[in-house]
C-alpha atoms as a PDB file:
ATOM      1  CA  MET A   1     155.000  22.087 238.887  1.00  0.00           C
ATOM      2  CA  LYS A   2     158.171  24.105 237.716  1.00  0.00           C
ATOM      3  CA  ALA A   3     159.018  21.173 235.183  1.00  0.00           C
ATOM      4  CA  LEU A   4     155.370  21.652 233.626  1.00  0.00           C
ATOM      5  CA  VAL A   5     156.232  25.408 233.154  1.00  0.00           C
ATOM      6  CA  VAL A   6     159.477  24.799 231.266  1.00  0.00           C
ATOM      7  CA  PHE A   7     158.061  21.870 229.308  1.00  0.00           C
ATOM      8  CA  ALA A   8     154.934  23.648 228.114  1.00  0.00           C
ATOM      9  CA  PRO A   9     156.483  26.052 225.744  1.00  0.00           C
ATOM     10  CA  LEU A  10     158.773  23.326 224.367  1.00  0.00           C
ATOM     11  CA  SER A  11     155.486  21.109 223.846  1.00  0.00           C
ATOM     12  CA  LEU A  12     153.870  23.959 222.170  1.00  0.00           C
ATOM     13  CA  ALA A  13     156.818  24.568 219.967  1.00  0.00           C
ATOM     14  CA  VAL A  14     157.081  20.670 218.990  1.00  0.00           C
ATOM     15  CA  VAL A  15     153.563  20.726 218.196  1.00  0.00           C
ATOM     16  CA  LEU A  16     153.101  24.062 216.282  1.00  0.00           C
ATOM     17  CA  GLY A  17     156.460  23.862 214.589  1.00  0.00           C
ATOM     18  CA  PRO A  18     155.569  21.654 211.735  1.00  0.00           C
ATOM     19  CA  SER A  19     152.449  23.567 211.223  1.00  0.00           C
ATOM     20  CA  LEU A  20     154.215  26.794 210.945  1.00  0.00           C
ATOM     21  CA  VAL A  21     156.716  25.386 208.445  1.00  0.00           C
ATOM     22  CA  ALA A  22     153.868  23.724 206.279  1.00  0.00           C
ATOM     23  CA  GLY A  23     152.056  26.881 206.345  1.00  0.00           C
ATOM     24  CA  GLN A  24     154.741  28.830 204.635  1.00  0.00           C
ATOM     25  CA  ALA A  25     154.032  30.143 201.208  1.00  0.00           C
ATOM     26  CA  PRO A  26     155.732  28.676 198.239  1.00  0.00           C
ATOM     27  CA  PRO A  27     158.188  30.652 196.206  1.00  0.00           C
ATOM     28  CA  PRO A  28     156.691  32.815 193.445  1.00  0.00           C
ATOM     29  CA  VAL A  29     156.437  30.790 190.157  1.00  0.00           C
ATOM     30  CA  PHE A  30     154.705  33.242 187.968  1.00  0.00           C
ATOM     31  CA  THR A  31     154.801  36.898 187.159  1.00  0.00           C
ATOM     32  CA  ALA A  32     152.282  39.567 187.730  1.00  0.00           C
ATOM     33  CA  GLU A  33     152.189  40.244 183.978  1.00  0.00           C
ATOM     34  CA  GLN A  34     151.307  36.530 183.249  1.00  0.00           C
ATOM     35  CA  ALA A  35     148.668  36.708 185.740  1.00  0.00           C
ATOM     36  CA  ALA A  36     147.244  39.907 184.352  1.00  0.00           C
ATOM     37  CA  ALA A  37     147.206  38.524 180.927  1.00  0.00           C
ATOM     38  CA  GLY A  38     145.597  35.338 182.251  1.00  0.00           C
ATOM     39  CA  ARG A  39     142.725  37.283 183.788  1.00  0.00           C
ATOM     40  CA  THR A  40     142.091  38.639 180.304  1.00  0.00           C
ATOM     41  CA  ALA A  41     142.435  35.443 178.606  1.00  0.00           C
ATOM     42  CA  TYR A  42     140.217  33.910 181.273  1.00  0.00           C
ATOM     43  CA  GLN A  43     137.470  36.438 180.827  1.00  0.00           C
ATOM     44  CA  THR A  44     137.579  35.953 177.036  1.00  0.00           C
ATOM     45  CA  SER A  45     137.989  32.041 176.924  1.00  0.00           C
ATOM     46  CA  CYS A  46     136.685  30.657 180.048  1.00  0.00           C
ATOM     47  CA  ALA A  47     134.167  33.041 182.000  1.00  0.00           C
ATOM     48  CA  ALA A  48     131.363  31.915 179.970  1.00  0.00           C
ATOM     49  CA  CYS A  49     131.343  28.635 181.700  1.00  0.00           C
ATOM     50  CA  HIS A  50     133.241  29.049 184.874  1.00  0.00           C
ATOM     51  CA  LEU A  51     131.614  32.362 185.443  1.00  0.00           C
ATOM     52  CA  PRO A  52     133.618  35.820 185.857  1.00  0.00           C
ATOM     53  CA  ASP A  53     134.348  35.227 189.435  1.00  0.00           C
ATOM     54  CA  LEU A  54     135.609  31.741 188.899  1.00  0.00           C
ATOM     55  CA  ARG A  55     132.705  30.236 190.781  1.00  0.00           C
ATOM     56  CA  GLY A  56     132.011  27.601 188.308  1.00  0.00           C
ATOM     57  CA  ARG A  57     128.255  26.166 187.326  1.00  0.00           C
ATOM     58  CA  ASN A  58     126.834  22.982 186.430  1.00  0.00           C
ATOM     59  CA  GLU A  59     129.597  20.865 185.210  1.00  0.00           C
ATOM     60  CA  ALA A  60     132.082  23.780 185.004  1.00  0.00           C
ATOM     61  CA  SER A  61     133.949  23.401 188.119  1.00  0.00           C
ATOM     62  CA  PRO A  62     135.035  26.093 190.434  1.00  0.00           C
ATOM     63  CA  LEU A  63     138.353  27.436 189.789  1.00  0.00           C
ATOM     64  CA  ALA A  64     138.983  29.371 193.170  1.00  0.00           C
ATOM     65  CA  GLY A  65     138.025  28.680 196.868  1.00  0.00           C
ATOM     66  CA  PRO A  66     138.012  25.573 199.076  1.00  0.00           C
ATOM     67  CA  ASN A  67     136.873  23.357 196.409  1.00  0.00           C
ATOM     68  CA  PHE A  68     139.333  24.071 193.925  1.00  0.00           C
ATOM     69  CA  MET A  69     141.997  24.324 196.721  1.00  0.00           C
ATOM     70  CA  ASN A  70     140.788  20.696 197.929  1.00  0.00           C
ATOM     71  CA  THR A  71     141.334  19.370 194.557  1.00  0.00           C
ATOM     72  CA  TRP A  72     144.660  20.884 193.394  1.00  0.00           C
ATOM     73  CA  ARG A  73     146.421  21.354 196.991  1.00  0.00           C
ATOM     74  CA  GLY A  74     148.447  17.966 196.582  1.00  0.00           C
ATOM     75  CA  ARG A  75     149.368  18.558 192.784  1.00  0.00           C
ATOM     76  CA  THR A  76     151.854  20.739 191.223  1.00  0.00           C
ATOM     77  CA  THR A  77     151.569  23.972 188.770  1.00  0.00           C
ATOM     78  CA  ARG A  78     152.718  21.586 185.915  1.00  0.00           C
ATOM     79  CA  GLU A  79     149.840  19.106 186.563  1.00  0.00           C
ATOM     80  CA  LEU A  80     147.414  22.134 186.758  1.00  0.00           C
ATOM     81  CA  PHE A  81     148.728  23.528 183.505  1.00  0.00           C
ATOM     82  CA  GLU A  82     148.668  20.221 181.602  1.00  0.00           C
ATOM     83  CA  PHE A  83     144.962  19.687 182.783  1.00  0.00           C
ATOM     84  CA  ILE A  84     143.917  22.934 181.528  1.00  0.00           C
ATOM     85  CA  ALA A  85     145.862  22.899 178.334  1.00  0.00           C
ATOM     86  CA  SER A  86     144.708  19.128 177.340  1.00  0.00           C
ATOM     87  CA  SER A  87     141.044  19.803 178.392  1.00  0.00           C
ATOM     88  CA  MET A  88     139.866  23.158 178.126  1.00  0.00           C
ATOM     89  CA  PRO A  89     137.615  24.252 176.557  1.00  0.00           C
ATOM     90  CA  PRO A  90     135.963  20.885 176.258  1.00  0.00           C
ATOM     91  CA  GLY A  91     136.162  19.369 172.891  1.00  0.00           C
ATOM     92  CA  GLY A  92     139.843  20.097 172.233  1.00  0.00           C
ATOM     93  CA  ALA A  93     142.735  22.599 173.294  1.00  0.00           C
ATOM     94  CA  THR A  94     142.335  25.688 171.001  1.00  0.00           C
ATOM     95  CA  LEU A  95     144.734  28.295 172.570  1.00  0.00           C
ATOM     96  CA  PRO A  96     148.285  28.606 172.419  1.00  0.00           C
ATOM     97  CA  PRO A  97     150.709  27.365 175.138  1.00  0.00           C
ATOM     98  CA  GLU A  98     151.375  30.942 176.329  1.00  0.00           C
ATOM     99  CA  THR A  99     148.036  31.537 176.939  1.00  0.00           C
ATOM    100  CA  TYR A 100     147.191  28.338 178.897  1.00  0.00           C
ATOM    101  CA  LEU A 101     150.294  29.368 180.982  1.00  0.00           C
ATOM    102  CA  ALA A 102     148.956  32.928 181.564  1.00  0.00           C
ATOM    103  CA  ILE A 103     145.500  31.428 182.720  1.00  0.00           C
ATOM    104  CA  THR A 104     147.310  29.071 185.071  1.00  0.00           C
ATOM    105  CA  ALA A 105     149.116  31.976 186.659  1.00  0.00           C
ATOM    106  CA  TYR A 106     145.716  33.766 186.908  1.00  0.00           C
ATOM    107  CA  LEU A 107     144.137  30.786 188.836  1.00  0.00           C
ATOM    108  CA  LEU A 108     147.141  30.560 191.064  1.00  0.00           C
ATOM    109  CA  GLN A 109     146.964  34.228 191.865  1.00  0.00           C
ATOM    110  CA  ALA A 110     143.223  34.106 192.382  1.00  0.00           C
ATOM    111  CA  ASN A 111     143.748  31.290 194.821  1.00  0.00           C
ATOM    112  CA  GLY A 112     146.254  33.235 196.940  1.00  0.00           C
ATOM    113  CA  ALA A 113     149.707  32.571 195.284  1.00  0.00           C
ATOM    114  CA  ALA A 114     152.094  35.564 195.162  1.00  0.00           C
ATOM    115  CA  SER A 115     153.660  36.683 191.785  1.00  0.00           C
ATOM    116  CA  GLY A 116     157.506  36.938 191.583  1.00  0.00           C
ATOM    117  CA  ALA A 117     160.101  37.750 188.788  1.00  0.00           C
ATOM    118  CA  THR A 118     160.332  34.402 187.262  1.00  0.00           C
ATOM    119  CA  PRO A 119     157.366  33.425 184.704  1.00  0.00           C
ATOM    120  CA  LEU A 120     155.561  30.321 184.976  1.00  0.00           C
ATOM    121  CA  ALA A 121     156.859  27.694 182.125  1.00  0.00           C
ATOM    122  CA  ALA A 122     155.390  24.346 181.033  1.00  0.00           C
ATOM    123  CA  THR A 123     157.960  22.505 182.883  1.00  0.00           C
ATOM    124  CA  THR A 124     157.403  24.419 186.299  1.00  0.00           C
ATOM    125  CA  ALA A 125     156.355  21.771 188.746  1.00  0.00           C
ATOM    126  CA  ALA A 126     156.003  23.893 192.036  1.00  0.00           C
ATOM    127  CA  PRO A 127     153.372  22.672 194.723  1.00  0.00           C
END
């Protein structure tokens, strides 16, 4: 019985260890200023279809919450930026790259990512 008591915490650490490491937040890849500018740009350029609260409707997919995370969790910030910049609004990209970066930063923030000191760049490829 004594061996069970010794091995139980070790077994728990082996099982939970990878999930604790996997649950750590990635390093910040955008600034608070970028996200604030992105919120403004989103409200002006995206909210008519995706709604002010990012819920989406009809063909405009949600940009925050579980459905968004399920779609983008395994992709990089660069992939998200490139998708937005190449396909939004439908019919052709019409915003400057800096605005698409800001909107991407806002979406990251809206989905729980923390801001930091380094601005998001088109070449940033963080998970």
